Amino acid sequence: LGCDVVIDRRSEDVIAAVKEATGGR
């Protein structure tokens, strides 16, 4: 669909992955 970053909530820590993708912002 065009997502720049995809996070699988079943196998990844969503909070940590979002912070990594956004430089903590």
PDB file of all heavy atoms in Angstrom:
ATOM      1  N   LEU A   1       0.817  -1.213   0.000  1.00  0.00           N
ATOM      2  CA  LEU A   1       0.000   0.000   0.000  1.00  0.00           C
ATOM      3  C   LEU A   1       0.848   1.260   0.000  1.00  0.00           C
ATOM      4  O   LEU A   1       0.362   2.344  -0.330  1.00  0.00           O
ATOM      5  CB  LEU A   1      -0.919   0.018   1.226  1.00  0.00           C
ATOM      6  CG  LEU A   1      -2.150  -0.886   1.177  1.00  0.00           C
ATOM      7  CD1 LEU A   1      -2.761  -1.010   2.571  1.00  0.00           C
ATOM      8  CD2 LEU A   1      -3.185  -0.338   0.199  1.00  0.00           C
ATOM      9  N   GLY A   2       2.115   1.124   0.393  1.00  0.00           N
ATOM     10  CA  GLY A   2       3.004   2.277   0.381  1.00  0.00           C
ATOM     11  C   GLY A   2       3.547   2.695   1.723  1.00  0.00           C
ATOM     12  O   GLY A   2       4.205   3.740   1.829  1.00  0.00           O
ATOM     13  N   CYS A   3       3.298   1.929   2.793  1.00  0.00           N
ATOM     14  CA  CYS A   3       3.837   2.292   4.099  1.00  0.00           C
ATOM     15  C   CYS A   3       5.366   2.360   4.041  1.00  0.00           C
ATOM     16  O   CYS A   3       6.021   1.462   3.505  1.00  0.00           O
ATOM     17  CB  CYS A   3       3.431   1.263   5.154  1.00  0.00           C
ATOM     18  SG  CYS A   3       1.695   1.350   5.652  1.00  0.00           S
ATOM     19  N   ASP A   4       5.930   3.403   4.586  1.00  0.00           N
ATOM     20  CA  ASP A   4       7.382   3.549   4.630  1.00  0.00           C
ATOM     21  C   ASP A   4       7.991   2.614   5.660  1.00  0.00           C
ATOM     22  O   ASP A   4       9.114   2.132   5.500  1.00  0.00           O
ATOM     23  CB  ASP A   4       7.739   4.996   4.968  1.00  0.00           C
ATOM     24  CG  ASP A   4       7.218   5.973   3.930  1.00  0.00           C
ATOM     25  OD1 ASP A   4       7.828   6.081   2.853  1.00  0.00           O
ATOM     26  OD2 ASP A   4       6.177   6.617   4.182  1.00  0.00           O
ATOM     27  N   VAL A   5       7.255   2.381   6.743  1.00  0.00           N
ATOM     28  CA  VAL A   5       7.682   1.462   7.791  1.00  0.00           C
ATOM     29  C   VAL A   5       6.485   0.594   8.155  1.00  0.00           C
ATOM     30  O   VAL A   5       5.373   1.111   8.314  1.00  0.00           O
ATOM     31  CB  VAL A   5       8.174   2.217   9.041  1.00  0.00           C
ATOM     32  CG1 VAL A   5       8.550   1.243  10.152  1.00  0.00           C
ATOM     33  CG2 VAL A   5       9.342   3.135   8.706  1.00  0.00           C
ATOM     34  N   VAL A   6       6.684  -0.710   8.272  1.00  0.00           N
ATOM     35  CA  VAL A   6       5.613  -1.621   8.677  1.00  0.00           C
ATOM     36  C   VAL A   6       6.026  -2.319   9.965  1.00  0.00           C
ATOM     37  O   VAL A   6       7.132  -2.853  10.062  1.00  0.00           O
ATOM     38  CB  VAL A   6       5.314  -2.675   7.580  1.00  0.00           C
ATOM     39  CG1 VAL A   6       4.210  -3.622   8.053  1.00  0.00           C
ATOM     40  CG2 VAL A   6       4.913  -2.000   6.276  1.00  0.00           C
ATOM     41  N   ILE A   7       5.143  -2.310  10.951  1.00  0.00           N
ATOM     42  CA  ILE A   7       5.408  -2.936  12.246  1.00  0.00           C
ATOM     43  C   ILE A   7       4.369  -4.026  12.484  1.00  0.00           C
ATOM     44  O   ILE A   7       3.164  -3.756  12.454  1.00  0.00           O
ATOM     45  CB  ILE A   7       5.338  -1.895  13.382  1.00  0.00           C
ATOM     46  CG1 ILE A   7       6.358  -0.776  13.154  1.00  0.00           C
ATOM     47  CG2 ILE A   7       5.573  -2.563  14.738  1.00  0.00           C
ATOM     48  CD1 ILE A   7       6.195   0.396  14.097  1.00  0.00           C
ATOM     49  N   ASP A   8       4.827  -5.243  12.700  1.00  0.00           N
ATOM     50  CA  ASP A   8       3.942  -6.370  13.019  1.00  0.00           C
ATOM     51  C   ASP A   8       3.797  -6.433  14.543  1.00  0.00           C
ATOM     52  O   ASP A   8       4.736  -6.815  15.245  1.00  0.00           O
ATOM     53  CB  ASP A   8       4.522  -7.670  12.475  1.00  0.00           C
ATOM     54  CG  ASP A   8       3.598  -8.868  12.670  1.00  0.00           C
ATOM     55  OD1 ASP A   8       2.609  -8.745  13.429  1.00  0.00           O
ATOM     56  OD2 ASP A   8       3.862  -9.927  12.071  1.00  0.00           O
ATOM     57  N   ARG A   9       2.635  -6.060  15.033  1.00  0.00           N
ATOM     58  CA  ARG A   9       2.429  -5.999  16.483  1.00  0.00           C
ATOM     59  C   ARG A   9       2.502  -7.377  17.137  1.00  0.00           C
ATOM     60  O   ARG A   9       2.685  -7.475  18.373  1.00  0.00           O
ATOM     61  CB  ARG A   9       1.076  -5.362  16.792  1.00  0.00           C
ATOM     62  CG  ARG A   9      -0.116  -6.086  16.187  1.00  0.00           C
ATOM     63  CD  ARG A   9      -1.439  -5.422  16.560  1.00  0.00           C
ATOM     64  NE  ARG A   9      -2.560  -5.994  15.837  1.00  0.00           N
ATOM     65  CZ  ARG A   9      -3.164  -7.127  16.161  1.00  0.00           C
ATOM     66  NH1 ARG A   9      -2.741  -7.816  17.211  1.00  0.00           N
ATOM     67  NH2 ARG A   9      -4.192  -7.576  15.439  1.00  0.00           N
ATOM     68  N   ARG A  10       2.383  -8.440  16.351  1.00  0.00           N
ATOM     69  CA  ARG A  10       2.429  -9.787  16.916  1.00  0.00           C
ATOM     70  C   ARG A  10       3.856 -10.254  17.194  1.00  0.00           C
ATOM     71  O   ARG A  10       4.063 -11.153  18.018  1.00  0.00           O
ATOM     72  CB  ARG A  10       1.734 -10.780  15.979  1.00  0.00           C
ATOM     73  CG  ARG A  10       0.241 -10.539  15.844  1.00  0.00           C
ATOM     74  CD  ARG A  10      -0.400 -11.565  14.931  1.00  0.00           C
ATOM     75  NE  ARG A  10      -1.836 -11.323  14.788  1.00  0.00           N
ATOM     76  CZ  ARG A  10      -2.622 -12.016  13.955  1.00  0.00           C
ATOM     77  NH1 ARG A  10      -2.106 -12.987  13.214  1.00  0.00           N
ATOM     78  NH2 ARG A  10      -3.915 -11.735  13.876  1.00  0.00           N
ATOM     79  N   SER A  11       4.818  -9.688  16.480  1.00  0.00           N
ATOM     80  CA  SER A  11       6.204 -10.143  16.646  1.00  0.00           C
ATOM     81  C   SER A  11       7.161  -9.020  17.022  1.00  0.00           C
ATOM     82  O   SER A  11       8.343  -9.280  17.262  1.00  0.00           O
ATOM     83  CB  SER A  11       6.692 -10.803  15.348  1.00  0.00           C
ATOM     84  OG  SER A  11       6.634  -9.881  14.254  1.00  0.00           O
ATOM     85  N   GLU A  12       6.686  -7.761  17.079  1.00  0.00           N
ATOM     86  CA  GLU A  12       7.550  -6.636  17.389  1.00  0.00           C
ATOM     87  C   GLU A  12       6.974  -5.806  18.532  1.00  0.00           C
ATOM     88  O   GLU A  12       5.765  -5.805  18.772  1.00  0.00           O
ATOM     89  CB  GLU A  12       7.721  -5.729  16.160  1.00  0.00           C
ATOM     90  CG  GLU A  12       8.334  -6.403  14.941  1.00  0.00           C
ATOM     91  CD  GLU A  12       8.419  -5.458  13.759  1.00  0.00           C
ATOM     92  OE1 GLU A  12       9.282  -4.553  13.792  1.00  0.00           O
ATOM     93  OE2 GLU A  12       7.618  -5.607  12.814  1.00  0.00           O
ATOM     94  N   ASP A  13       7.853  -5.097  19.198  1.00  0.00           N
ATOM     95  CA  ASP A  13       7.455  -4.138  20.231  1.00  0.00           C
ATOM     96  C   ASP A  13       7.073  -2.853  19.502  1.00  0.00           C
ATOM     97  O   ASP A  13       7.947  -2.143  18.987  1.00  0.00           O
ATOM     98  CB  ASP A  13       8.620  -3.899  21.189  1.00  0.00           C
ATOM     99  CG  ASP A  13       8.269  -2.952  22.328  1.00  0.00           C
ATOM    100  OD1 ASP A  13       7.475  -2.006  22.102  1.00  0.00           O
ATOM    101  OD2 ASP A  13       8.804  -3.128  23.429  1.00  0.00           O
ATOM    102  N   VAL A  14       5.779  -2.558  19.438  1.00  0.00           N
ATOM    103  CA  VAL A  14       5.306  -1.419  18.653  1.00  0.00           C
ATOM    104  C   VAL A  14       5.917  -0.114  19.152  1.00  0.00           C
ATOM    105  O   VAL A  14       6.383   0.715  18.349  1.00  0.00           O
ATOM    106  CB  VAL A  14       3.762  -1.341  18.687  1.00  0.00           C
ATOM    107  CG1 VAL A  14       3.283  -0.050  18.003  1.00  0.00           C
ATOM    108  CG2 VAL A  14       3.148  -2.556  18.009  1.00  0.00           C
ATOM    109  N   ILE A  15       5.929   0.091  20.445  1.00  0.00           N
ATOM    110  CA  ILE A  15       6.424   1.352  21.006  1.00  0.00           C
ATOM    111  C   ILE A  15       7.896   1.553  20.656  1.00  0.00           C
ATOM    112  O   ILE A  15       8.310   2.626  20.184  1.00  0.00           O
ATOM    113  CB  ILE A  15       6.202   1.381  22.524  1.00  0.00           C
ATOM    114  CG1 ILE A  15       4.697   1.337  22.821  1.00  0.00           C
ATOM    115  CG2 ILE A  15       6.839   2.622  23.148  1.00  0.00           C
ATOM    116  CD1 ILE A  15       4.365   1.099  24.277  1.00  0.00           C
ATOM    117  N   ALA A  16       8.699   0.518  20.851  1.00  0.00           N
ATOM    118  CA  ALA A  16      10.124   0.622  20.551  1.00  0.00           C
ATOM    119  C   ALA A  16      10.363   0.825  19.062  1.00  0.00           C
ATOM    120  O   ALA A  16      11.234   1.613  18.659  1.00  0.00           O
ATOM    121  CB  ALA A  16      10.850  -0.634  21.029  1.00  0.00           C
ATOM    122  N   ALA A  17       9.577   0.130  18.226  1.00  0.00           N
ATOM    123  CA  ALA A  17       9.763   0.239  16.776  1.00  0.00           C
ATOM    124  C   ALA A  17       9.403   1.628  16.264  1.00  0.00           C
ATOM    125  O   ALA A  17      10.066   2.168  15.379  1.00  0.00           O
ATOM    126  CB  ALA A  17       8.926  -0.828  16.074  1.00  0.00           C
ATOM    127  N   VAL A  18       8.336   2.218  16.820  1.00  0.00           N
ATOM    128  CA  VAL A  18       7.950   3.573  16.403  1.00  0.00           C
ATOM    129  C   VAL A  18       9.017   4.578  16.812  1.00  0.00           C
ATOM    130  O   VAL A  18       9.398   5.470  16.037  1.00  0.00           O
ATOM    131  CB  VAL A  18       6.581   3.963  16.993  1.00  0.00           C
ATOM    132  CG1 VAL A  18       6.278   5.437  16.707  1.00  0.00           C
ATOM    133  CG2 VAL A  18       5.484   3.087  16.427  1.00  0.00           C
ATOM    134  N   LYS A  19       9.531   4.450  18.028  1.00  0.00           N
ATOM    135  CA  LYS A  19      10.564   5.374  18.494  1.00  0.00           C
ATOM    136  C   LYS A  19      11.832   5.249  17.645  1.00  0.00           C
ATOM    137  O   LYS A  19      12.486   6.253  17.320  1.00  0.00           O
ATOM    138  CB  LYS A  19      10.864   5.122  19.963  1.00  0.00           C
ATOM    139  CG  LYS A  19       9.715   5.550  20.881  1.00  0.00           C
ATOM    140  CD  LYS A  19      10.044   5.367  22.346  1.00  0.00           C
ATOM    141  CE  LYS A  19       8.905   5.891  23.220  1.00  0.00           C
ATOM    142  NZ  LYS A  19       9.179   5.714  24.670  1.00  0.00           N
ATOM    143  N   GLU A  20      12.165   4.022  17.257  1.00  0.00           N
ATOM    144  CA  GLU A  20      13.337   3.823  16.403  1.00  0.00           C
ATOM    145  C   GLU A  20      13.124   4.455  15.030  1.00  0.00           C
ATOM    146  O   GLU A  20      14.024   5.099  14.478  1.00  0.00           O
ATOM    147  CB  GLU A  20      13.630   2.328  16.253  1.00  0.00           C
ATOM    148  CG  GLU A  20      14.844   2.042  15.376  1.00  0.00           C
ATOM    149  CD  GLU A  20      15.105   0.551  15.220  1.00  0.00           C
ATOM    150  OE1 GLU A  20      14.398  -0.250  15.849  1.00  0.00           O
ATOM    151  OE2 GLU A  20      16.026   0.201  14.443  1.00  0.00           O
ATOM    152  N   ALA A  21      11.914   4.278  14.481  1.00  0.00           N
ATOM    153  CA  ALA A  21      11.623   4.802  13.142  1.00  0.00           C
ATOM    154  C   ALA A  21      11.560   6.319  13.095  1.00  0.00           C
ATOM    155  O   ALA A  21      11.705   6.926  12.034  1.00  0.00           O
ATOM    156  CB  ALA A  21      10.305   4.211  12.627  1.00  0.00           C
ATOM    157  N   THR A  22      11.306   6.937  14.245  1.00  0.00           N
ATOM    158  CA  THR A  22      11.153   8.398  14.294  1.00  0.00           C
ATOM    159  C   THR A  22      12.287   9.090  15.042  1.00  0.00           C
ATOM    160  O   THR A  22      12.182  10.277  15.363  1.00  0.00           O
ATOM    161  CB  THR A  22       9.815   8.778  14.957  1.00  0.00           C
ATOM    162  OG1 THR A  22       9.794   8.267  16.299  1.00  0.00           O
ATOM    163  CG2 THR A  22       8.636   8.218  14.172  1.00  0.00           C
ATOM    164  N   GLY A  23      13.359   8.366  15.322  1.00  0.00           N
ATOM    165  CA  GLY A  23      14.470   8.957  16.047  1.00  0.00           C
ATOM    166  C   GLY A  23      14.094   9.372  17.458  1.00  0.00           C
ATOM    167  O   GLY A  23      14.646  10.335  18.003  1.00  0.00           O
ATOM    168  N   GLY A  24      13.121   8.675  18.040  1.00  0.00           N
ATOM    169  CA  GLY A  24      12.687   8.958  19.400  1.00  0.00           C
ATOM    170  C   GLY A  24      11.627  10.038  19.511  1.00  0.00           C
ATOM    171  O   GLY A  24      11.090  10.281  20.593  1.00  0.00           O
ATOM    172  N   ARG A  25      11.292  10.683  18.390  1.00  0.00           N
ATOM    173  CA  ARG A  25      10.358  11.813  18.429  1.00  0.00           C
ATOM    174  C   ARG A  25       8.901  11.367  18.549  1.00  0.00           C
ATOM    175  O   ARG A  25       8.093  12.009  19.210  1.00  0.00           O
ATOM    176  CB  ARG A  25      10.535  12.668  17.170  1.00  0.00           C
ATOM    177  CG  ARG A  25       9.658  13.907  17.145  1.00  0.00           C
ATOM    178  CD  ARG A  25       9.969  14.788  15.936  1.00  0.00           C
ATOM    179  NE  ARG A  25       9.135  15.975  15.950  1.00  0.00           N
ATOM    180  CZ  ARG A  25       7.891  16.029  15.500  1.00  0.00           C
ATOM    181  NH1 ARG A  25       7.344  14.932  14.972  1.00  0.00           N
ATOM    182  NH2 ARG A  25       7.192  17.139  15.551  1.00  0.00           N
TER     183      ARG A  25
END
